[in-house]
Amino acid sequence: ALKAAWFDPFTKETGIQVVTVVATNAEMRAKASAMVKAGNVTWDLYLDGEIQAASEAHRQVTEDLSGFCQQFANRKDLSPNACAPGGALLQST
């Protein structure tokens, strides 16, 4: 569903191929943590649920988006939690 809704349209518009990684949540978190510790992060996007994205474990392996989110703070067309320190919500149209 993600491929059809987001990845394929992104590739069509930008020409950038999306490479997906199939793994359990624990496996993804371990891989992301190892990349951060090694200083060699190769992922641009890490899909996680809202509850997980607010967790301490998530914050340890992801960038704090607080500064980035400030530009969206007063947008009436977005929900108040559309952009948070732990990530941005993906919403299908």
PDB file of N, CA and C in Angstrom:
ATOM      1  N   ALA A   1       0.821  -1.194   0.000  1.00  0.00           N
ATOM      2  CA  ALA A   1       0.000   0.000   0.000  1.00  0.00           C
ATOM      3  C   ALA A   1       0.872   1.268   0.000  1.00  0.00           C
ATOM      4  N   LEU A   2       1.949   1.257   0.789  1.00  0.00           N
ATOM      5  CA  LEU A   2       2.848   2.421   0.830  1.00  0.00           C
ATOM      6  C   LEU A   2       3.506   2.633  -0.526  1.00  0.00           C
ATOM      7  N   LYS A   3       3.875   1.545  -1.171  1.00  0.00           N
ATOM      8  CA  LYS A   3       4.524   1.650  -2.479  1.00  0.00           C
ATOM      9  C   LYS A   3       3.591   2.330  -3.483  1.00  0.00           C
ATOM     10  N   ALA A   4       2.354   1.890  -3.530  1.00  0.00           N
ATOM     11  CA  ALA A   4       1.401   2.453  -4.488  1.00  0.00           C
ATOM     12  C   ALA A   4       1.008   3.885  -4.135  1.00  0.00           C
ATOM     13  N   ALA A   5       0.837   4.159  -2.844  1.00  0.00           N
ATOM     14  CA  ALA A   5       0.342   5.475  -2.423  1.00  0.00           C
ATOM     15  C   ALA A   5       1.424   6.545  -2.390  1.00  0.00           C
ATOM     16  N   TRP A   6       2.647   6.190  -2.003  1.00  0.00           N
ATOM     17  CA  TRP A   6       3.676   7.220  -1.809  1.00  0.00           C
ATOM     18  C   TRP A   6       4.948   6.998  -2.614  1.00  0.00           C
ATOM     19  N   PHE A   7       5.496   5.783  -2.569  1.00  0.00           N
ATOM     20  CA  PHE A   7       6.807   5.567  -3.174  1.00  0.00           C
ATOM     21  C   PHE A   7       6.775   5.666  -4.697  1.00  0.00           C
ATOM     22  N   ASP A   8       5.823   4.993  -5.355  1.00  0.00           N
ATOM     23  CA  ASP A   8       5.748   5.054  -6.816  1.00  0.00           C
ATOM     24  C   ASP A   8       5.485   6.480  -7.324  1.00  0.00           C
ATOM     25  N   PRO A   9       4.517   7.219  -6.731  1.00  0.00           N
ATOM     26  CA  PRO A   9       4.313   8.604  -7.183  1.00  0.00           C
ATOM     27  C   PRO A   9       5.559   9.475  -6.965  1.00  0.00           C
ATOM     28  N   PHE A  10       6.267   9.266  -5.856  1.00  0.00           N
ATOM     29  CA  PHE A  10       7.496  10.023  -5.593  1.00  0.00           C
ATOM     30  C   PHE A  10       8.534   9.730  -6.673  1.00  0.00           C
ATOM     31  N   THR A  11       8.720   8.445  -7.012  1.00  0.00           N
ATOM     32  CA  THR A  11       9.687   8.066  -8.046  1.00  0.00           C
ATOM     33  C   THR A  11       9.285   8.643  -9.391  1.00  0.00           C
ATOM     34  N   LYS A  12       8.004   8.603  -9.702  1.00  0.00           N
ATOM     35  CA  LYS A  12       7.527   9.138 -10.986  1.00  0.00           C
ATOM     36  C   LYS A  12       7.798  10.642 -11.078  1.00  0.00           C
ATOM     37  N   GLU A  13       7.584  11.366  -9.987  1.00  0.00           N
ATOM     38  CA  GLU A  13       7.754  12.822  -9.998  1.00  0.00           C
ATOM     39  C   GLU A  13       9.221  13.244  -9.944  1.00  0.00           C
ATOM     40  N   THR A  14      10.048  12.495  -9.230  1.00  0.00           N
ATOM     41  CA  THR A  14      11.426  12.930  -9.008  1.00  0.00           C
ATOM     42  C   THR A  14      12.475  12.133  -9.766  1.00  0.00           C
ATOM     43  N   GLY A  15      12.133  10.931 -10.190  1.00  0.00           N
ATOM     44  CA  GLY A  15      13.108  10.053 -10.818  1.00  0.00           C
ATOM     45  C   GLY A  15      13.985   9.329  -9.805  1.00  0.00           C
ATOM     46  N   ILE A  16      13.746   9.565  -8.524  1.00  0.00           N
ATOM     47  CA  ILE A  16      14.529   8.930  -7.466  1.00  0.00           C
ATOM     48  C   ILE A  16      13.870   7.606  -7.086  1.00  0.00           C
ATOM     49  N   GLN A  17      14.610   6.517  -7.226  1.00  0.00           N
ATOM     50  CA  GLN A  17      14.088   5.194  -6.895  1.00  0.00           C
ATOM     51  C   GLN A  17      14.057   5.006  -5.384  1.00  0.00           C
ATOM     52  N   VAL A  18      12.942   4.543  -4.857  1.00  0.00           N
ATOM     53  CA  VAL A  18      12.803   4.257  -3.432  1.00  0.00           C
ATOM     54  C   VAL A  18      13.180   2.796  -3.201  1.00  0.00           C
ATOM     55  N   VAL A  19      14.119   2.588  -2.293  1.00  0.00           N
ATOM     56  CA  VAL A  19      14.539   1.238  -1.930  1.00  0.00           C
ATOM     57  C   VAL A  19      13.938   0.926  -0.564  1.00  0.00           C
ATOM     58  N   THR A  20      13.145  -0.115  -0.500  1.00  0.00           N
ATOM     59  CA  THR A  20      12.502  -0.471   0.763  1.00  0.00           C
ATOM     60  C   THR A  20      13.275  -1.581   1.463  1.00  0.00           C
ATOM     61  N   VAL A  21      13.150  -1.609   2.768  1.00  0.00           N
ATOM     62  CA  VAL A  21      13.772  -2.634   3.600  1.00  0.00           C
ATOM     63  C   VAL A  21      12.648  -3.337   4.348  1.00  0.00           C
ATOM     64  N   VAL A  22      12.563  -4.627   4.204  1.00  0.00           N
ATOM     65  CA  VAL A  22      11.534  -5.398   4.889  1.00  0.00           C
ATOM     66  C   VAL A  22      12.154  -5.977   6.157  1.00  0.00           C
ATOM     67  N   ALA A  23      11.583  -5.606   7.300  1.00  0.00           N
ATOM     68  CA  ALA A  23      12.108  -6.074   8.581  1.00  0.00           C
ATOM     69  C   ALA A  23      11.056  -5.837   9.651  1.00  0.00           C
ATOM     70  N   THR A  24      11.232  -6.496  10.764  1.00  0.00           N
ATOM     71  CA  THR A  24      10.350  -6.234  11.900  1.00  0.00           C
ATOM     72  C   THR A  24      10.713  -4.871  12.484  1.00  0.00           C
ATOM     73  N   ASN A  25       9.851  -4.345  13.331  1.00  0.00           N
ATOM     74  CA  ASN A  25      10.126  -3.063  13.969  1.00  0.00           C
ATOM     75  C   ASN A  25      11.426  -3.133  14.768  1.00  0.00           C
ATOM     76  N   ALA A  26      11.628  -4.211  15.493  1.00  0.00           N
ATOM     77  CA  ALA A  26      12.848  -4.368  16.296  1.00  0.00           C
ATOM     78  C   ALA A  26      14.086  -4.419  15.404  1.00  0.00           C
ATOM     79  N   GLU A  27      13.993  -5.106  14.279  1.00  0.00           N
ATOM     80  CA  GLU A  27      15.118  -5.181  13.342  1.00  0.00           C
ATOM     81  C   GLU A  27      15.434  -3.806  12.744  1.00  0.00           C
ATOM     82  N   MET A  28      14.391  -3.055  12.371  1.00  0.00           N
ATOM     83  CA  MET A  28      14.610  -1.710  11.818  1.00  0.00           C
ATOM     84  C   MET A  28      15.257  -0.801  12.845  1.00  0.00           C
ATOM     85  N   ARG A  29      14.773  -0.850  14.079  1.00  0.00           N
ATOM     86  CA  ARG A  29      15.332  -0.009  15.134  1.00  0.00           C
ATOM     87  C   ARG A  29      16.797  -0.367  15.388  1.00  0.00           C
ATOM     88  N   ALA A  30      17.119  -1.666  15.393  1.00  0.00           N
ATOM     89  CA  ALA A  30      18.503  -2.100  15.602  1.00  0.00           C
ATOM     90  C   ALA A  30      19.391  -1.637  14.452  1.00  0.00           C
ATOM     91  N   LYS A  31      18.904  -1.745  13.223  1.00  0.00           N
ATOM     92  CA  LYS A  31      19.685  -1.308  12.057  1.00  0.00           C
ATOM     93  C   LYS A  31      19.895   0.203  12.110  1.00  0.00           C
ATOM     94  N   ALA A  32      18.838   0.962  12.401  1.00  0.00           N
ATOM     95  CA  ALA A  32      18.964   2.418  12.485  1.00  0.00           C
ATOM     96  C   ALA A  32      19.942   2.806  13.582  1.00  0.00           C
ATOM     97  N   SER A  33      19.867   2.147  14.712  1.00  0.00           N
ATOM     98  CA  SER A  33      20.769   2.424  15.825  1.00  0.00           C
ATOM     99  C   SER A  33      22.217   2.142  15.430  1.00  0.00           C
ATOM    100  N   ALA A  34      22.461   1.028  14.755  1.00  0.00           N
ATOM    101  CA  ALA A  34      23.816   0.678  14.326  1.00  0.00           C
ATOM    102  C   ALA A  34      24.352   1.707  13.327  1.00  0.00           C
ATOM    103  N   MET A  35      23.509   2.171  12.404  1.00  0.00           N
ATOM    104  CA  MET A  35      23.942   3.181  11.432  1.00  0.00           C
ATOM    105  C   MET A  35      24.311   4.482  12.133  1.00  0.00           C
ATOM    106  N   VAL A  36      23.506   4.901  13.107  1.00  0.00           N
ATOM    107  CA  VAL A  36      23.781   6.138  13.845  1.00  0.00           C
ATOM    108  C   VAL A  36      25.093   6.003  14.608  1.00  0.00           C
ATOM    109  N   LYS A  37      25.269   4.903  15.309  1.00  0.00           N
ATOM    110  CA  LYS A  37      26.494   4.691  16.090  1.00  0.00           C
ATOM    111  C   LYS A  37      27.736   4.649  15.204  1.00  0.00           C
ATOM    112  N   ALA A  38      27.602   4.100  13.991  1.00  0.00           N
ATOM    113  CA  ALA A  38      28.730   4.004  13.066  1.00  0.00           C
ATOM    114  C   ALA A  38      28.959   5.307  12.305  1.00  0.00           C
ATOM    115  N   GLY A  39      28.007   6.233  12.417  1.00  0.00           N
ATOM    116  CA  GLY A  39      28.125   7.488  11.671  1.00  0.00           C
ATOM    117  C   GLY A  39      27.953   7.304  10.179  1.00  0.00           C
ATOM    118  N   ASN A  40      27.210   6.267   9.790  1.00  0.00           N
ATOM    119  CA  ASN A  40      27.017   5.953   8.374  1.00  0.00           C
ATOM    120  C   ASN A  40      25.533   5.645   8.123  1.00  0.00           C
ATOM    121  N   VAL A  41      24.709   6.677   8.189  1.00  0.00           N
ATOM    122  CA  VAL A  41      23.264   6.511   8.004  1.00  0.00           C
ATOM    123  C   VAL A  41      22.950   6.528   6.510  1.00  0.00           C
ATOM    124  N   THR A  42      22.308   5.471   6.041  1.00  0.00           N
ATOM    125  CA  THR A  42      21.968   5.368   4.623  1.00  0.00           C
ATOM    126  C   THR A  42      20.471   5.494   4.363  1.00  0.00           C
ATOM    127  N   TRP A  43      19.674   5.530   5.407  1.00  0.00           N
ATOM    128  CA  TRP A  43      18.227   5.660   5.235  1.00  0.00           C
ATOM    129  C   TRP A  43      17.825   7.126   5.285  1.00  0.00           C
ATOM    130  N   ASP A  44      16.897   7.519   4.407  1.00  0.00           N
ATOM    131  CA  ASP A  44      16.331   8.864   4.425  1.00  0.00           C
ATOM    132  C   ASP A  44      14.998   8.897   5.157  1.00  0.00           C
ATOM    133  N   LEU A  45      14.318   7.782   5.211  1.00  0.00           N
ATOM    134  CA  LEU A  45      12.984   7.708   5.791  1.00  0.00           C
ATOM    135  C   LEU A  45      12.883   6.445   6.631  1.00  0.00           C
ATOM    136  N   TYR A  46      12.321   6.603   7.806  1.00  0.00           N
ATOM    137  CA  TYR A  46      12.133   5.480   8.710  1.00  0.00           C
ATOM    138  C   TYR A  46      10.689   5.534   9.174  1.00  0.00           C
ATOM    139  N   LEU A  47       9.865   4.607   8.688  1.00  0.00           N
ATOM    140  CA  LEU A  47       8.444   4.603   9.038  1.00  0.00           C
ATOM    141  C   LEU A  47       8.249   3.944  10.391  1.00  0.00           C
ATOM    142  N   ASP A  48       7.568   4.649  11.250  1.00  0.00           N
ATOM    143  CA  ASP A  48       7.292   4.157  12.599  1.00  0.00           C
ATOM    144  C   ASP A  48       5.927   4.688  13.002  1.00  0.00           C
ATOM    145  N   GLY A  49       5.269   4.046  13.915  1.00  0.00           N
ATOM    146  CA  GLY A  49       3.973   4.511  14.388  1.00  0.00           C
ATOM    147  C   GLY A  49       4.119   5.708  15.315  1.00  0.00           C
ATOM    148  N   GLU A  50       3.011   6.406  15.551  1.00  0.00           N
ATOM    149  CA  GLU A  50       3.043   7.606  16.407  1.00  0.00           C
ATOM    150  C   GLU A  50       3.532   7.302  17.818  1.00  0.00           C
ATOM    151  N   ILE A  51       3.074   6.212  18.388  1.00  0.00           N
ATOM    152  CA  ILE A  51       3.484   5.869  19.751  1.00  0.00           C
ATOM    153  C   ILE A  51       4.972   5.559  19.782  1.00  0.00           C
ATOM    154  N   GLN A  52       5.440   4.772  18.819  1.00  0.00           N
ATOM    155  CA  GLN A  52       6.858   4.445  18.766  1.00  0.00           C
ATOM    156  C   GLN A  52       7.698   5.691  18.502  1.00  0.00           C
ATOM    157  N   ALA A  53       7.228   6.584  17.640  1.00  0.00           N
ATOM    158  CA  ALA A  53       7.974   7.790  17.289  1.00  0.00           C
ATOM    159  C   ALA A  53       8.137   8.728  18.485  1.00  0.00           C
ATOM    160  N   ALA A  54       7.275   8.601  19.469  1.00  0.00           N
ATOM    161  CA  ALA A  54       7.380   9.438  20.663  1.00  0.00           C
ATOM    162  C   ALA A  54       8.235   8.785  21.755  1.00  0.00           C
ATOM    163  N   SER A  55       8.718   7.580  21.497  1.00  0.00           N
ATOM    164  CA  SER A  55       9.459   6.844  22.525  1.00  0.00           C
ATOM    165  C   SER A  55      10.917   7.286  22.618  1.00  0.00           C
ATOM    166  N   GLU A  56      11.516   7.001  23.747  1.00  0.00           N
ATOM    167  CA  GLU A  56      12.937   7.301  23.966  1.00  0.00           C
ATOM    168  C   GLU A  56      13.806   6.504  22.995  1.00  0.00           C
ATOM    169  N   ALA A  57      13.457   5.254  22.735  1.00  0.00           N
ATOM    170  CA  ALA A  57      14.234   4.422  21.805  1.00  0.00           C
ATOM    171  C   ALA A  57      14.262   5.042  20.411  1.00  0.00           C
ATOM    172  N   HIS A  58      13.141   5.593  19.975  1.00  0.00           N
ATOM    173  CA  HIS A  58      13.083   6.246  18.662  1.00  0.00           C
ATOM    174  C   HIS A  58      13.958   7.497  18.644  1.00  0.00           C
ATOM    175  N   ARG A  59      13.880   8.277  19.698  1.00  0.00           N
ATOM    176  CA  ARG A  59      14.666   9.522  19.762  1.00  0.00           C
ATOM    177  C   ARG A  59      16.165   9.251  19.746  1.00  0.00           C
ATOM    178  N   GLN A  60      16.580   8.104  20.243  1.00  0.00           N
ATOM    179  CA  GLN A  60      18.008   7.777  20.269  1.00  0.00           C
ATOM    180  C   GLN A  60      18.583   7.519  18.885  1.00  0.00           C
ATOM    181  N   VAL A  61      17.733   7.163  17.924  1.00  0.00           N
ATOM    182  CA  VAL A  61      18.250   6.815  16.592  1.00  0.00           C
ATOM    183  C   VAL A  61      17.759   7.741  15.482  1.00  0.00           C
ATOM    184  N   THR A  62      17.026   8.785  15.844  1.00  0.00           N
ATOM    185  CA  THR A  62      16.527   9.702  14.820  1.00  0.00           C
ATOM    186  C   THR A  62      16.887  11.141  15.161  1.00  0.00           C
ATOM    187  N   GLU A  63      16.805  11.974  14.156  1.00  0.00           N
ATOM    188  CA  GLU A  63      17.094  13.398  14.330  1.00  0.00           C
ATOM    189  C   GLU A  63      15.894  14.100  14.958  1.00  0.00           C
ATOM    190  N   ASP A  64      16.145  15.036  15.845  1.00  0.00           N
ATOM    191  CA  ASP A  64      15.083  15.836  16.457  1.00  0.00           C
ATOM    192  C   ASP A  64      14.587  16.838  15.413  1.00  0.00           C
ATOM    193  N   LEU A  65      13.320  16.768  15.072  1.00  0.00           N
ATOM    194  CA  LEU A  65      12.753  17.629  14.032  1.00  0.00           C
ATOM    195  C   LEU A  65      12.087  18.890  14.581  1.00  0.00           C
ATOM    196  N   SER A  66      12.310  19.213  15.842  1.00  0.00           N
ATOM    197  CA  SER A  66      11.665  20.381  16.449  1.00  0.00           C
ATOM    198  C   SER A  66      11.867  21.651  15.635  1.00  0.00           C
ATOM    199  N   GLY A  67      13.099  21.941  15.274  1.00  0.00           N
ATOM    200  CA  GLY A  67      13.390  23.153  14.488  1.00  0.00           C
ATOM    201  C   GLY A  67      12.732  23.116  13.125  1.00  0.00           C
ATOM    202  N   PHE A  68      12.800  21.977  12.456  1.00  0.00           N
ATOM    203  CA  PHE A  68      12.173  21.821  11.150  1.00  0.00           C
ATOM    204  C   PHE A  68      10.668  22.035  11.232  1.00  0.00           C
ATOM    205  N   CYS A  69      10.051  21.535  12.290  1.00  0.00           N
ATOM    206  CA  CYS A  69       8.594  21.591  12.440  1.00  0.00           C
ATOM    207  C   CYS A  69       8.067  23.004  12.693  1.00  0.00           C
ATOM    208  N   GLN A  70       8.893  23.915  13.167  1.00  0.00           N
ATOM    209  CA  GLN A  70       8.433  25.267  13.484  1.00  0.00           C
ATOM    210  C   GLN A  70       7.759  25.943  12.294  1.00  0.00           C
ATOM    211  N   GLN A  71       8.229  25.694  11.092  1.00  0.00           N
ATOM    212  CA  GLN A  71       7.652  26.329   9.908  1.00  0.00           C
ATOM    213  C   GLN A  71       6.211  25.886   9.626  1.00  0.00           C
ATOM    214  N   PHE A  72       5.790  24.795  10.236  1.00  0.00           N
ATOM    215  CA  PHE A  72       4.443  24.273  10.017  1.00  0.00           C
ATOM    216  C   PHE A  72       3.504  24.535  11.194  1.00  0.00           C
ATOM    217  N   ALA A  73       3.992  25.174  12.234  1.00  0.00           N
ATOM    218  CA  ALA A  73       3.241  25.333  13.482  1.00  0.00           C
ATOM    219  C   ALA A  73       1.898  26.033  13.310  1.00  0.00           C
ATOM    220  N   ASN A  74       1.794  27.007  12.443  1.00  0.00           N
ATOM    221  CA  ASN A  74       0.556  27.781  12.306  1.00  0.00           C
ATOM    222  C   ASN A  74      -0.255  27.428  11.068  1.00  0.00           C
ATOM    223  N   ARG A  75       0.025  26.308  10.454  1.00  0.00           N
ATOM    224  CA  ARG A  75      -0.714  25.896   9.254  1.00  0.00           C
ATOM    225  C   ARG A  75      -2.091  25.383   9.654  1.00  0.00           C
ATOM    226  N   LYS A  76      -3.130  25.996   9.138  1.00  0.00           N
ATOM    227  CA  LYS A  76      -4.507  25.601   9.452  1.00  0.00           C
ATOM    228  C   LYS A  76      -4.905  24.313   8.731  1.00  0.00           C
ATOM    229  N   ASP A  77      -4.201  23.994   7.621  1.00  0.00           N
ATOM    230  CA  ASP A  77      -4.558  22.814   6.839  1.00  0.00           C
ATOM    231  C   ASP A  77      -3.892  21.530   7.357  1.00  0.00           C
ATOM    232  N   LEU A  78      -3.110  21.637   8.440  1.00  0.00           N
ATOM    233  CA  LEU A  78      -2.458  20.469   9.035  1.00  0.00           C
ATOM    234  C   LEU A  78      -2.953  20.260  10.455  1.00  0.00           C
ATOM    235  N   SER A  79      -2.977  19.018  10.877  1.00  0.00           N
ATOM    236  CA  SER A  79      -3.355  18.751  12.263  1.00  0.00           C
ATOM    237  C   SER A  79      -2.233  19.251  13.173  1.00  0.00           C
ATOM    238  N   PRO A  80      -2.550  19.583  14.422  1.00  0.00           N
ATOM    239  CA  PRO A  80      -1.539  20.122  15.335  1.00  0.00           C
ATOM    240  C   PRO A  80      -0.320  19.218  15.524  1.00  0.00           C
ATOM    241  N   ASN A  81      -0.488  17.911  15.368  1.00  0.00           N
ATOM    242  CA  ASN A  81       0.632  16.981  15.562  1.00  0.00           C
ATOM    243  C   ASN A  81       1.210  16.480  14.240  1.00  0.00           C
ATOM    244  N   ALA A  82       0.961  17.194  13.138  1.00  0.00           N
ATOM    245  CA  ALA A  82       1.435  16.754  11.823  1.00  0.00           C
ATOM    246  C   ALA A  82       2.952  16.689  11.753  1.00  0.00           C
ATOM    247  N   CYS A  83       3.615  17.538  12.496  1.00  0.00           N
ATOM    248  CA  CYS A  83       5.077  17.528  12.548  1.00  0.00           C
ATOM    249  C   CYS A  83       5.476  17.631  14.011  1.00  0.00           C
ATOM    250  N   ALA A  84       6.234  16.663  14.467  1.00  0.00           N
ATOM    251  CA  ALA A  84       6.631  16.594  15.873  1.00  0.00           C
ATOM    252  C   ALA A  84       8.124  16.276  15.960  1.00  0.00           C
ATOM    253  N   PRO A  85       8.720  16.442  17.123  1.00  0.00           N
ATOM    254  CA  PRO A  85      10.153  16.152  17.245  1.00  0.00           C
ATOM    255  C   PRO A  85      10.552  14.751  16.744  1.00  0.00           C
ATOM    256  N   GLY A  86       9.650  13.786  16.887  1.00  0.00           N
ATOM    257  CA  GLY A  86       9.950  12.410  16.475  1.00  0.00           C
ATOM    258  C   GLY A  86       9.644  12.098  15.040  1.00  0.00           C
ATOM    259  N   GLY A  87       8.999  13.011  14.308  1.00  0.00           N
ATOM    260  CA  GLY A  87       8.708  12.747  12.902  1.00  0.00           C
ATOM    261  C   GLY A  87       7.491  13.478  12.393  1.00  0.00           C
ATOM    262  N   ALA A  88       7.213  13.259  11.136  1.00  0.00           N
ATOM    263  CA  ALA A  88       6.069  13.872  10.471  1.00  0.00           C
ATOM    264  C   ALA A  88       5.056  12.794  10.133  1.00  0.00           C
ATOM    265  N   LEU A  89       3.789  13.124  10.290  1.00  0.00           N
ATOM    266  CA  LEU A  89       2.743  12.162   9.961  1.00  0.00           C
ATOM    267  C   LEU A  89       2.565  12.086   8.451  1.00  0.00           C
ATOM    268  N   LEU A  90       2.443  10.891   7.947  1.00  0.00           N
ATOM    269  CA  LEU A  90       2.129  10.681   6.530  1.00  0.00           C
ATOM    270  C   LEU A  90       0.628  10.462   6.453  1.00  0.00           C
ATOM    271  N   GLN A  91      -0.008  11.236   5.612  1.00  0.00           N
ATOM    272  CA  GLN A  91      -1.460  11.090   5.457  1.00  0.00           C
ATOM    273  C   GLN A  91      -1.758  10.872   3.998  1.00  0.00           C
ATOM    274  N   SER A  92      -2.572   9.864   3.707  1.00  0.00           N
ATOM    275  CA  SER A  92      -2.955   9.607   2.319  1.00  0.00           C
ATOM    276  C   SER A  92      -4.037  10.588   1.914  1.00  0.00           C
ATOM    277  N   THR A  93      -4.101  10.868   0.633  1.00  0.00           N
ATOM    278  CA  THR A  93      -5.101  11.815   0.133  1.00  0.00           C
ATOM    279  C   THR A  93      -6.313  11.110  -0.384  1.00  0.00           C
TER     280      THR A  93
END
